[in-house]
């Protein structure tokens, strides 16, 4: 059973066939699918699942804090099931591929007090941009 499915069961989330399929599609490390990609993969497993059901389920998972909604550029939002382990993203500027990265250090500590402008900073999102090996070799 996937980590996401286990977390959802632990929360007592009602597990319909449609919800299960969406959670199964999102299973894995470095998963950052668009809603349309989730729908396409879900249809392959459960042909009768509707686009609206996929979108609604993704919205519920984001609201629950079990999936992150990632917007790294002007492309479609992506959904990241790695919601419980702090991480940043490495994004290919050409194809949009996304990888989770876990650099050492504390990015909150890297922001000097003089640059906080009185804010109490509670979270940091870092996006590294570059070119993935596939695009670099093309």
Protein backbone atom coordinates (compact mmCIF):
# COMPACT_ATOMS: atom_id res chain seq x y z
CA UNK A 1 0.00 0.00 0.00
CA UNK A 2 1.29 3.49 -0.82
CA UNK A 3 2.35 6.00 1.80
CA UNK A 4 -0.42 8.36 0.66
CA UNK A 5 -3.08 5.64 0.93
CA UNK A 6 -1.83 4.74 4.41
CA UNK A 7 -1.96 8.38 5.52
CA UNK A 8 -5.49 8.78 4.14
CA UNK A 9 -6.70 5.59 5.82
CA UNK A 10 -5.15 6.79 9.07
CA UNK A 11 -7.21 9.97 8.80
CA UNK A 12 -10.40 7.99 8.25
CA UNK A 13 -10.87 9.44 4.75
CA UNK A 14 -13.74 7.69 2.96
CA UNK A 15 -11.98 5.54 0.35
CA UNK A 16 -14.20 5.26 -2.72
CA UNK A 17 -12.89 3.50 -5.82
CA UNK A 18 -12.36 6.88 -7.50
CA UNK A 19 -10.46 8.38 -4.55
CA UNK A 20 -8.32 5.25 -4.28
CA UNK A 21 -7.35 5.45 -7.96
CA UNK A 22 -6.36 9.12 -7.67
CA UNK A 23 -4.25 8.33 -4.59
CA UNK A 24 -2.63 5.38 -6.36
CA UNK A 25 -1.77 7.55 -9.38
CA UNK A 26 -0.09 10.06 -7.06
CA UNK A 27 1.98 7.40 -5.31
CA UNK A 28 5.75 7.55 -5.58
CA UNK A 29 8.74 9.76 -5.13
CA UNK A 30 9.29 12.75 -7.44
CA UNK A 31 5.65 12.63 -8.61
CA UNK A 32 4.51 16.04 -9.86
CA UNK A 33 1.59 15.42 -12.19
CA UNK A 34 -0.85 17.95 -13.61
CA UNK A 35 -4.56 17.37 -12.99
CA UNK A 36 -4.93 16.28 -16.62
CA UNK A 37 -2.08 13.78 -16.22
CA UNK A 38 -3.69 12.43 -13.05
CA UNK A 39 -6.98 12.10 -14.93
CA UNK A 40 -5.38 10.29 -17.89
CA UNK A 41 -3.64 7.80 -15.61
CA UNK A 42 -6.76 7.34 -13.49
CA UNK A 43 -8.88 6.62 -16.58
CA UNK A 44 -6.42 3.86 -17.52
CA UNK A 45 -7.17 2.21 -14.16
CA UNK A 46 -10.85 3.14 -13.83
CA UNK A 47 -12.35 4.13 -17.21
CA UNK A 48 -15.53 5.63 -15.77
CA UNK A 49 -13.76 8.21 -13.55
CA UNK A 50 -14.69 11.76 -14.55
CA UNK A 51 -12.41 14.76 -14.87
CA UNK A 52 -14.56 16.57 -12.27
CA UNK A 53 -14.06 13.75 -9.76
CA UNK A 54 -10.28 13.91 -10.26
CA UNK A 55 -10.23 17.70 -9.83
CA UNK A 56 -12.47 17.51 -6.74
CA UNK A 57 -10.36 14.75 -5.20
CA UNK A 58 -7.15 16.68 -5.83
CA UNK A 59 -8.73 19.72 -4.18
CA UNK A 60 -9.71 17.66 -1.15
CA UNK A 61 -6.20 16.19 -0.87
CA UNK A 62 -4.66 19.67 -0.99
CA UNK A 63 -7.14 20.95 1.63
CA UNK A 64 -6.29 17.99 3.87
CA UNK A 65 -2.58 18.82 3.52
CA UNK A 66 -1.85 15.38 2.08
CA UNK A 67 -0.84 16.69 -1.35
CA UNK A 68 0.94 19.92 -2.24
CA UNK A 69 -0.16 22.09 -5.14
CA UNK A 70 3.02 23.19 -6.90
CA UNK A 71 3.19 26.10 -9.33
CA UNK A 72 6.77 26.55 -10.50
CA UNK A 73 6.12 28.68 -13.58
CA UNK A 74 3.30 29.71 -15.88
CA UNK A 75 2.55 26.07 -16.69
CA UNK A 76 -0.25 24.03 -15.15
CA UNK A 77 -0.26 23.40 -11.41
CA UNK A 78 1.20 20.09 -10.38
CA UNK A 79 0.35 17.84 -7.46
CA UNK A 80 3.06 16.55 -5.13
CA UNK A 81 2.24 13.76 -2.64
CA UNK A 82 5.48 14.43 -0.73
CA UNK A 83 3.66 16.77 1.65
CA UNK A 84 5.14 15.60 4.94
CA UNK A 85 8.88 15.80 4.29
CA UNK A 86 10.25 19.31 3.83
CA UNK A 87 11.84 19.70 0.41
CA UNK A 88 12.49 22.08 -2.44
CA UNK A 89 12.09 21.63 -6.18
CA UNK A 90 14.53 21.39 -9.07
CA UNK A 91 12.80 22.39 -12.31
CA UNK A 92 13.91 22.02 -15.92
CA UNK A 93 13.37 25.35 -17.66
CA UNK A 94 12.90 23.59 -21.00
CA UNK A 95 10.59 20.61 -20.44
CA UNK A 96 9.21 21.44 -16.98
CA UNK A 97 10.40 18.22 -15.31
CA UNK A 98 10.39 18.54 -11.52
CA UNK A 99 12.47 16.66 -8.94
CA UNK A 100 12.28 16.90 -5.15
CA UNK A 101 15.58 17.92 -3.57
CA UNK A 102 16.64 17.95 0.05
CA UNK A 103 19.59 20.34 0.43
CA UNK A 104 21.33 20.64 3.76
CA UNK A 105 21.11 23.80 5.78
CA UNK A 106 18.24 25.96 6.91
CA UNK A 107 16.95 28.44 4.31
CA UNK A 108 15.04 30.30 7.04
CA UNK A 109 18.35 31.04 8.75
CA UNK A 110 19.79 32.33 5.46
CA UNK A 111 17.42 35.31 5.49
CA UNK A 112 19.01 38.00 7.67
CA UNK A 113 16.82 39.89 10.13
CA UNK A 114 17.44 43.09 8.14
CA UNK A 115 15.73 41.49 5.11
CA UNK A 116 12.65 40.22 6.97
CA UNK A 117 11.01 43.67 7.15
CA UNK A 118 9.28 42.78 10.40
CA UNK A 119 7.78 39.58 9.00
CA UNK A 120 7.63 36.47 11.14
CA UNK A 121 8.73 33.96 8.52
CA UNK A 122 7.18 30.52 8.93
CA UNK A 123 7.94 28.77 5.65
CA UNK A 124 10.30 28.88 2.70
CA UNK A 125 9.78 27.63 -0.84
CA UNK A 126 12.92 27.31 -2.94
CA UNK A 127 12.88 26.45 -6.63
CA UNK A 128 16.13 25.65 -8.38
CA UNK A 129 15.98 26.10 -12.15
CA UNK A 130 18.19 24.61 -14.79
CA UNK A 131 18.26 22.11 -17.62
CA UNK A 132 17.64 18.40 -17.05
CA UNK A 133 20.01 15.83 -18.58
CA UNK A 134 17.47 14.85 -21.26
CA UNK A 135 17.07 18.41 -22.52
CA UNK A 136 20.80 19.11 -22.23
CA UNK A 137 21.64 16.15 -24.49
CA UNK A 138 18.99 16.96 -27.11
